[in-house]
Amino acid sequence: ERRQTEHHFEVRIMDETISLSWVEVEVSVISFQEKKMLVTARNIAEQRLLQNIVKLYVYSNCDYFICLDAQNNRFDMLWGQSGQQTIPAQYSEDYVATFFAYIDTYVVPEDRQRVKEEVLPGRILSVLAKEKEHTISYGLMEPGRGYARKRIQYLLYDREAQTVLLSRTDVTDLYLDAKRQNEALQQAMIQAQSDLLTGVYNHHTIKALISEELSTGQGMGGALLFIDLDNFKQVNDMLGHQEGDEVLRFVAQTIRRSLRAGDLVGRVGGDEFIVYLCGPDTEKAVDQCASRLCKRISQYRGGTLLTCSIGIAIYPKDGKDYATLYRHADEAMYHAKTGGKAGYTAWSSHWL
């Protein structure tokens, strides 16, 4: 009958100072017949402390811990969270094939190709030859949880043997927090650029955007339209400022719905708006846009309350910078008003 000749176990003891410590006890059989055994004890308090630190600060913060033999394309899992379904095999003689299968199964489609490129042994060693670590963040679909954000970290353990330590950490909370902060920042930027009442660009922003368009338009045509509401003061006096605010919101929304996606619209005064048509095909197309705006704005409350006058300045014929186009469109708008309002007029060099 085969008998066990060695046995070892760990016990916690209390010394004379009433301090608890861990001891490893090893029992070796010298002779079964004579019932002789060798018993040795070794203080493993420091080892236990290090194990607890690793467990508390390393393992508790990662999903798994792997030793990768990059030279021979194989790996051993040193530790893995229990109950995790998205953890690779405990051991593999083909690291690349195993990880590629894992990526195809769990990683979200938009991240798969990038992650496959970054986990290749050659890529890992190339990065670690220059950097202390190689990290990859990606989205992952976890059964029962849904979308999660993970980060893989590679650290070089033995350069000569090309041994690499690999761990995966869940960074979903950090990712979502950063995403919320980014969305809040984007919202703050939009609010800073927008007219608070109407939601279109404010004067400062529309001027900057049109100036940028003029400088990067690469010779394309364009047109600046200056829109002023007729008799808006009477609307405020008769119906109140609340109704006046409603009029301004209606006008801003009407203008935006009447333009193409790439065109620009902003509010530059109490009842004044400007539009920049980016690269219209012909001056006839500009006239058609101005006519459409006049018609649609006049439809407020059945067409009995509101009209507008529009001045037009064509780029580059009537000006090559924002200030010139703005001034000429403003002058053309006043010609439209003196001509009877509720219409549009294009600026003419003959007025000089």
Protein backbone atom coordinates (compact mmCIF):
# COMPACT_ATOMS: atom_id res chain seq x y z
CA GLU A 1 0.00 0.00 0.00
CA ARG A 2 1.31 3.40 -0.99
CA ARG A 3 1.67 5.76 1.93
CA GLN A 4 2.12 9.52 2.05
CA THR A 5 5.58 10.31 3.36
CA GLU A 6 5.27 14.10 3.57
CA HIS A 7 2.61 16.50 4.76
CA HIS A 8 2.67 20.21 5.33
CA PHE A 9 0.14 22.74 6.56
CA GLU A 10 -0.05 26.30 7.84
CA VAL A 11 -1.19 27.32 11.31
CA ARG A 12 -1.64 30.60 13.08
CA ILE A 13 0.05 30.79 16.49
CA MET A 14 0.27 33.27 19.34
CA ASP A 15 3.69 34.04 20.80
CA GLU A 16 4.61 35.28 24.27
CA THR A 17 3.85 38.87 23.27
CA ILE A 18 0.30 37.75 22.39
CA SER A 19 0.98 38.55 18.73
CA LEU A 20 -0.47 36.33 16.05
CA SER A 21 1.84 34.91 13.41
CA TRP A 22 1.71 32.35 10.61
CA VAL A 23 3.90 29.21 10.71
CA GLU A 24 4.32 26.55 8.04
CA VAL A 25 4.66 23.06 9.51
CA GLU A 26 6.18 20.24 7.46
CA VAL A 27 6.06 16.61 8.58
CA SER A 28 8.31 14.01 6.92
CA VAL A 29 8.11 10.30 7.74
CA ILE A 30 11.49 8.75 8.51
CA SER A 31 10.22 5.28 9.33
CA PHE A 32 6.67 3.95 9.35
CA GLN A 33 7.79 0.84 11.21
CA GLU A 34 9.53 2.76 13.98
CA LYS A 35 6.98 5.59 13.81
CA LYS A 36 9.66 8.21 13.43
CA MET A 37 8.89 11.59 11.90
CA LEU A 38 10.78 14.81 11.27
CA VAL A 39 8.77 17.92 12.08
CA THR A 40 9.99 21.37 10.97
CA ALA A 41 8.37 24.74 11.43
CA ARG A 42 9.09 27.89 9.51
CA ASN A 43 7.86 31.43 10.20
CA ILE A 44 6.01 32.60 7.08
CA ALA A 45 4.51 35.80 8.51
CA GLU A 46 6.30 38.00 5.97
CA GLN A 47 5.34 35.72 3.09
CA ARG A 48 1.72 35.74 4.26
CA LEU A 49 1.79 39.52 4.52
CA LEU A 50 3.08 39.82 0.95
CA GLN A 51 0.42 37.38 -0.26
CA ASN A 52 -2.32 39.39 1.44
CA ILE A 53 -0.98 42.63 -0.04
CA VAL A 54 -0.95 41.10 -3.53
CA LYS A 55 -4.45 39.73 -3.00
CA LEU A 56 -5.77 43.01 -1.62
CA TYR A 57 -4.15 45.50 -3.98
CA VAL A 58 -3.46 43.49 -7.14
CA TYR A 59 -5.87 40.61 -7.50
CA SER A 60 -8.84 42.52 -6.10
CA ASN A 61 -8.37 45.18 -8.79
CA CYS A 62 -7.94 42.91 -11.78
CA ASP A 63 -9.95 40.18 -13.49
CA TYR A 64 -7.02 37.87 -14.13
CA PHE A 65 -3.23 37.68 -13.95
CA ILE A 66 -1.28 35.83 -16.66
CA CYS A 67 2.35 34.93 -17.26
CA LEU A 68 2.98 35.14 -21.03
CA ASP A 69 5.91 33.40 -22.69
CA ALA A 70 6.01 35.69 -25.71
CA GLN A 71 8.96 33.86 -27.26
CA ASN A 72 7.10 30.56 -27.42
CA ASN A 73 3.55 31.95 -27.81
CA ARG A 74 2.10 30.32 -24.69
CA PHE A 75 0.73 31.42 -21.34
CA ASP A 76 -0.25 30.30 -17.84
CA MET A 77 -2.96 31.98 -15.80
CA LEU A 78 -1.61 32.66 -12.32
CA TRP A 79 -4.90 33.90 -10.93
CA GLY A 80 -8.44 34.66 -12.10
CA GLN A 81 -11.59 36.05 -10.54
CA SER A 82 -14.09 33.30 -9.78
CA GLY A 83 -17.35 33.47 -11.68
CA GLN A 84 -15.92 35.49 -14.58
CA GLN A 85 -17.15 34.18 -17.93
CA THR A 86 -14.98 36.47 -20.06
CA ILE A 87 -11.64 35.07 -18.84
CA PRO A 88 -9.36 33.17 -21.24
CA ALA A 89 -8.29 29.56 -20.65
CA GLN A 90 -6.14 28.67 -17.64
CA TYR A 91 -3.34 27.54 -19.93
CA SER A 92 -2.63 27.62 -23.66
CA GLU A 93 0.16 26.53 -25.96
CA ASP A 94 -1.15 29.01 -28.57
CA TYR A 95 -1.58 32.42 -26.96
CA VAL A 96 -2.47 34.24 -30.21
CA ALA A 97 -5.16 31.76 -31.29
CA THR A 98 -6.68 31.66 -27.79
CA PHE A 99 -6.80 35.43 -27.45
CA PHE A 100 -8.12 35.94 -30.98
CA ALA A 101 -10.99 33.53 -30.23
CA TYR A 102 -11.66 35.42 -26.99
CA ILE A 103 -11.64 38.76 -28.85
CA ASP A 104 -14.05 37.49 -31.53
CA THR A 105 -16.41 36.21 -28.82
CA TYR A 106 -16.51 39.09 -26.33
CA VAL A 107 -14.88 42.30 -27.62
CA VAL A 108 -17.27 44.76 -29.30
CA PRO A 109 -16.97 44.77 -33.13
CA GLU A 110 -15.60 48.31 -33.42
CA ASP A 111 -12.60 47.45 -31.20
CA ARG A 112 -11.75 43.93 -32.40
CA GLN A 113 -9.24 44.66 -35.14
CA ARG A 114 -7.34 47.22 -33.06
CA VAL A 115 -7.14 44.87 -30.07
CA LYS A 116 -5.94 41.98 -32.25
CA GLU A 117 -3.11 44.13 -33.58
CA GLU A 118 -2.10 45.29 -30.09
CA VAL A 119 -2.00 41.84 -28.41
CA LEU A 120 0.41 40.26 -30.90
CA PRO A 121 3.69 39.20 -29.20
CA GLY A 122 5.80 41.19 -31.65
CA ARG A 123 3.80 44.34 -30.99
CA ILE A 124 3.94 43.83 -27.20
CA LEU A 125 7.71 43.35 -27.14
CA SER A 126 8.22 46.29 -29.49
CA VAL A 127 6.32 48.64 -27.18
CA LEU A 128 7.94 47.27 -24.00
CA ALA A 129 11.38 47.81 -25.51
CA LYS A 130 10.64 51.56 -25.32
CA GLU A 131 7.97 51.93 -22.64
CA LYS A 132 7.47 50.59 -19.10
CA GLU A 133 4.05 49.18 -19.97
CA HIS A 134 1.76 48.43 -22.87
CA THR A 135 -1.94 49.11 -22.24
CA ILE A 136 -5.03 48.54 -24.37
CA SER A 137 -8.55 49.74 -23.57
CA TYR A 138 -11.58 48.27 -25.28
CA GLY A 139 -15.28 47.59 -24.97
CA LEU A 140 -16.52 44.14 -24.02
CA MET A 141 -19.96 42.54 -23.80
CA GLU A 142 -20.29 40.66 -20.52
CA PRO A 143 -23.08 38.06 -20.21
CA GLY A 144 -25.70 39.31 -17.79
CA ARG A 145 -24.08 42.76 -17.49
CA GLY A 146 -23.86 44.15 -20.99
CA TYR A 147 -21.27 46.68 -22.07
CA ALA A 148 -18.15 46.97 -19.93
CA ARG A 149 -14.85 48.73 -20.44
CA LYS A 150 -11.67 46.76 -19.90
CA ARG A 151 -7.97 47.62 -19.85
CA ILE A 152 -5.20 45.08 -20.52
CA GLN A 153 -1.74 45.88 -19.16
CA TYR A 154 1.48 44.16 -20.24
CA LEU A 155 4.63 44.48 -18.09
CA LEU A 156 8.03 43.03 -19.02
CA TYR A 157 9.23 40.50 -16.42
CA ASP A 158 12.30 38.95 -18.10
CA ARG A 159 13.66 40.65 -21.20
CA GLU A 160 16.07 37.86 -22.16
CA ALA A 161 13.43 35.13 -21.81
CA GLN A 162 10.73 37.42 -23.25
CA THR A 163 8.45 36.74 -20.31
CA VAL A 164 5.60 39.22 -19.86
CA LEU A 165 3.07 39.69 -17.07
CA LEU A 166 -0.46 40.41 -18.26
CA SER A 167 -3.44 41.64 -16.24
CA ARG A 168 -6.91 42.82 -17.13
CA THR A 169 -8.71 45.51 -15.13
CA ASP A 170 -12.32 46.65 -15.24
CA VAL A 171 -12.38 50.42 -15.92
CA THR A 172 -16.08 50.74 -16.72
CA ASP A 173 -16.76 53.24 -13.92
CA LEU A 174 -13.76 55.36 -14.92
CA TYR A 175 -14.81 55.21 -18.58
CA LEU A 176 -18.41 56.19 -17.85
CA ASP A 177 -17.28 59.00 -15.54
CA ALA A 178 -14.91 60.34 -18.19
CA LYS A 179 -17.68 60.03 -20.78
CA ARG A 180 -20.08 62.00 -18.57
CA GLN A 181 -17.46 64.68 -17.99
CA ASN A 182 -16.77 64.90 -21.71
CA GLU A 183 -20.49 65.17 -22.48
CA ALA A 184 -20.84 67.88 -19.82
CA LEU A 185 -17.87 69.73 -21.33
CA GLN A 186 -19.35 69.43 -24.81
CA GLN A 187 -22.68 70.73 -23.51
CA ALA A 188 -20.94 73.65 -21.79
CA MET A 189 -19.11 74.47 -25.03
CA ILE A 190 -22.37 74.38 -26.97
CA GLN A 191 -24.02 76.67 -24.44
CA ALA A 192 -21.07 79.05 -24.59
CA GLN A 193 -21.42 79.22 -28.38
CA SER A 194 -25.19 79.51 -28.48
CA ASP A 195 -27.69 82.28 -28.06
CA LEU A 196 -29.51 81.34 -24.87
CA LEU A 197 -32.96 82.32 -26.11
CA THR A 198 -33.01 80.85 -29.61
CA GLY A 199 -30.36 78.12 -29.55
CA VAL A 200 -28.61 79.32 -32.73
CA TYR A 201 -25.02 80.61 -32.64
CA ASN A 202 -24.40 83.84 -30.75
CA HIS A 203 -22.78 86.87 -32.39
CA HIS A 204 -19.23 86.07 -31.32
CA THR A 205 -19.42 82.45 -32.50
CA ILE A 206 -21.14 83.08 -35.84
CA LYS A 207 -18.55 85.74 -36.67
CA ALA A 208 -15.72 83.31 -35.87
CA LEU A 209 -17.29 80.47 -37.86
CA ILE A 210 -17.96 82.58 -40.93
CA SER A 211 -14.43 84.02 -40.78
CA GLU A 212 -13.04 80.48 -40.59
CA GLU A 213 -15.20 79.41 -43.52
CA LEU A 214 -13.95 82.34 -45.58
CA SER A 215 -10.32 81.53 -44.80
CA THR A 216 -10.64 77.81 -45.57
CA GLY A 217 -13.23 77.91 -48.33
CA GLN A 218 -10.54 77.43 -50.99
CA GLY A 219 -12.16 79.81 -53.45
CA MET A 220 -15.68 78.42 -53.13
CA GLY A 221 -18.52 80.90 -53.37
CA GLY A 222 -20.80 81.87 -50.54
CA ALA A 223 -23.37 84.41 -49.45
CA LEU A 224 -24.10 86.31 -46.25
CA LEU A 225 -27.74 87.12 -45.53
CA PHE A 226 -28.67 89.78 -42.97
CA ILE A 227 -32.22 89.19 -41.67
CA ASP A 228 -34.12 91.84 -39.71
CA LEU A 229 -37.69 91.38 -38.46
CA ASP A 230 -40.11 94.12 -39.55
CA ASN A 231 -41.96 96.03 -36.82
CA PHE A 232 -40.73 93.68 -34.09
CA LYS A 233 -40.99 96.47 -31.50
CA GLN A 234 -44.73 96.65 -32.14
CA VAL A 235 -45.03 92.90 -31.46
CA ASN A 236 -43.38 93.38 -28.07
CA ASP A 237 -45.50 96.46 -27.28
CA MET A 238 -48.80 94.89 -28.28
CA LEU A 239 -48.35 91.29 -27.15
CA GLY A 240 -45.63 91.48 -24.50
CA HIS A 241 -42.06 90.31 -24.26
CA GLN A 242 -43.04 86.69 -23.71
CA GLU A 243 -44.70 86.63 -27.12
CA GLY A 244 -41.70 88.47 -28.54
CA ASP A 245 -39.40 85.72 -27.24
CA GLU A 246 -41.65 83.14 -28.85
CA VAL A 247 -41.37 85.00 -32.16
CA LEU A 248 -37.57 84.96 -31.98
CA ARG A 249 -37.50 81.23 -31.23
CA PHE A 250 -39.88 80.58 -34.14
CA VAL A 251 -37.69 82.61 -36.51
CA ALA A 252 -34.50 80.81 -35.44
CA GLN A 253 -36.09 77.39 -35.87
CA THR A 254 -37.61 78.36 -39.22
CA ILE A 255 -34.25 79.57 -40.54
CA ARG A 256 -32.47 76.39 -39.44
CA ARG A 257 -35.12 74.16 -41.04
CA SER A 258 -34.85 76.13 -44.29
CA LEU A 259 -31.07 75.73 -44.68
CA ARG A 260 -28.71 72.94 -45.62
CA ALA A 261 -26.75 71.08 -42.96
CA GLY A 262 -23.49 72.91 -43.70
CA ASP A 263 -24.96 76.43 -43.67
CA LEU A 264 -24.51 78.71 -40.65
CA VAL A 265 -27.07 80.76 -38.72
CA GLY A 266 -26.66 83.10 -35.75
CA ARG A 267 -28.44 85.83 -33.84
CA VAL A 268 -26.48 89.09 -33.84
CA GLY A 269 -28.97 91.49 -32.24
CA GLY A 270 -32.39 91.76 -30.64
CA ASP A 271 -34.32 90.85 -33.79
CA GLU A 272 -31.41 90.46 -36.21
CA PHE A 273 -30.06 87.20 -37.61
CA ILE A 274 -27.36 86.41 -40.13
CA VAL A 275 -27.01 83.36 -42.33
CA TYR A 276 -23.98 82.23 -44.28
CA LEU A 277 -24.70 79.96 -47.23
CA CYS A 278 -21.59 77.88 -47.82
CA GLY A 279 -20.82 77.54 -51.52
CA PRO A 280 -24.21 78.15 -53.18
CA ASP A 281 -24.27 77.17 -56.85
CA THR A 282 -25.61 80.42 -58.29
CA GLU A 283 -26.86 83.84 -57.22
CA LYS A 284 -30.27 82.60 -58.32
CA ALA A 285 -30.04 79.90 -55.68
CA VAL A 286 -29.27 82.59 -53.07
CA ASP A 287 -32.33 84.59 -54.18
CA GLN A 288 -34.46 81.47 -53.91
CA CYS A 289 -33.21 80.85 -50.37
CA ALA A 290 -33.95 84.46 -49.34
CA SER A 291 -37.43 84.26 -50.87
CA ARG A 292 -38.10 80.98 -49.05
CA LEU A 293 -37.02 82.51 -45.72
CA CYS A 294 -39.27 85.56 -46.20
CA LYS A 295 -42.24 83.34 -47.00
CA ARG A 296 -41.79 80.90 -44.13
CA ILE A 297 -41.12 83.57 -41.51
CA SER A 298 -44.25 85.45 -42.57
CA GLN A 299 -46.35 82.33 -41.83
CA TYR A 300 -46.11 82.90 -38.08
CA ARG A 301 -49.63 82.79 -36.59
CA GLY A 302 -51.33 82.53 -39.93
CA GLY A 303 -49.31 85.27 -41.66
CA THR A 304 -50.91 88.34 -40.04
CA LEU A 305 -48.22 89.39 -37.58
CA LEU A 306 -44.67 89.00 -38.83
CA THR A 307 -42.51 89.78 -41.87
CA CYS A 308 -38.78 90.27 -42.42
CA SER A 309 -36.34 92.17 -44.63
CA ILE A 310 -33.19 90.48 -45.93
CA GLY A 311 -29.96 91.95 -47.31
CA ILE A 312 -27.58 89.81 -49.37
CA ALA A 313 -23.81 90.08 -49.92
CA ILE A 314 -22.10 87.60 -52.23
CA TYR A 315 -18.60 86.21 -51.59
CA PRO A 316 -16.15 87.05 -53.14
CA LYS A 317 -17.89 89.56 -55.43
CA ASP A 318 -19.19 91.82 -52.64
CA GLY A 319 -16.41 91.21 -50.12
CA LYS A 320 -13.69 88.76 -49.16
CA ASP A 321 -13.80 89.12 -45.37
CA TYR A 322 -16.49 88.95 -42.70
CA ALA A 323 -16.53 92.67 -41.86
CA THR A 324 -17.04 93.72 -45.50
CA LEU A 325 -19.72 91.13 -46.21
CA TYR A 326 -21.51 91.98 -42.96
CA ARG A 327 -21.49 95.70 -43.74
CA HIS A 328 -22.73 95.25 -47.32
CA ALA A 329 -25.47 92.79 -46.29
CA ASP A 330 -26.57 95.26 -43.59
CA GLU A 331 -26.76 98.06 -46.16
CA ALA A 332 -28.73 95.84 -48.53
CA MET A 333 -31.17 94.99 -45.74
CA TYR A 334 -31.90 98.69 -45.20
CA HIS A 335 -32.56 99.08 -48.92
CA ALA A 336 -35.07 96.24 -48.63
CA LYS A 337 -36.79 98.05 -45.74
CA THR A 338 -36.96 101.38 -47.56
CA GLY A 339 -38.33 99.52 -50.58
CA GLY A 340 -41.39 98.37 -48.68
CA LYS A 341 -40.18 95.68 -46.28
CA ALA A 342 -41.19 91.99 -46.42
CA GLY A 343 -38.61 91.22 -49.10
CA TYR A 344 -34.92 90.90 -49.93
CA THR A 345 -32.30 92.96 -51.76
CA ALA A 346 -28.80 92.09 -52.97
CA TRP A 347 -26.02 94.60 -52.36
CA SER A 348 -24.81 96.54 -55.38
CA SER A 349 -21.50 98.31 -55.98
CA HIS A 350 -23.48 101.02 -57.79
CA TRP A 351 -24.59 102.33 -54.40
CA LEU A 352 -21.03 103.57 -53.70
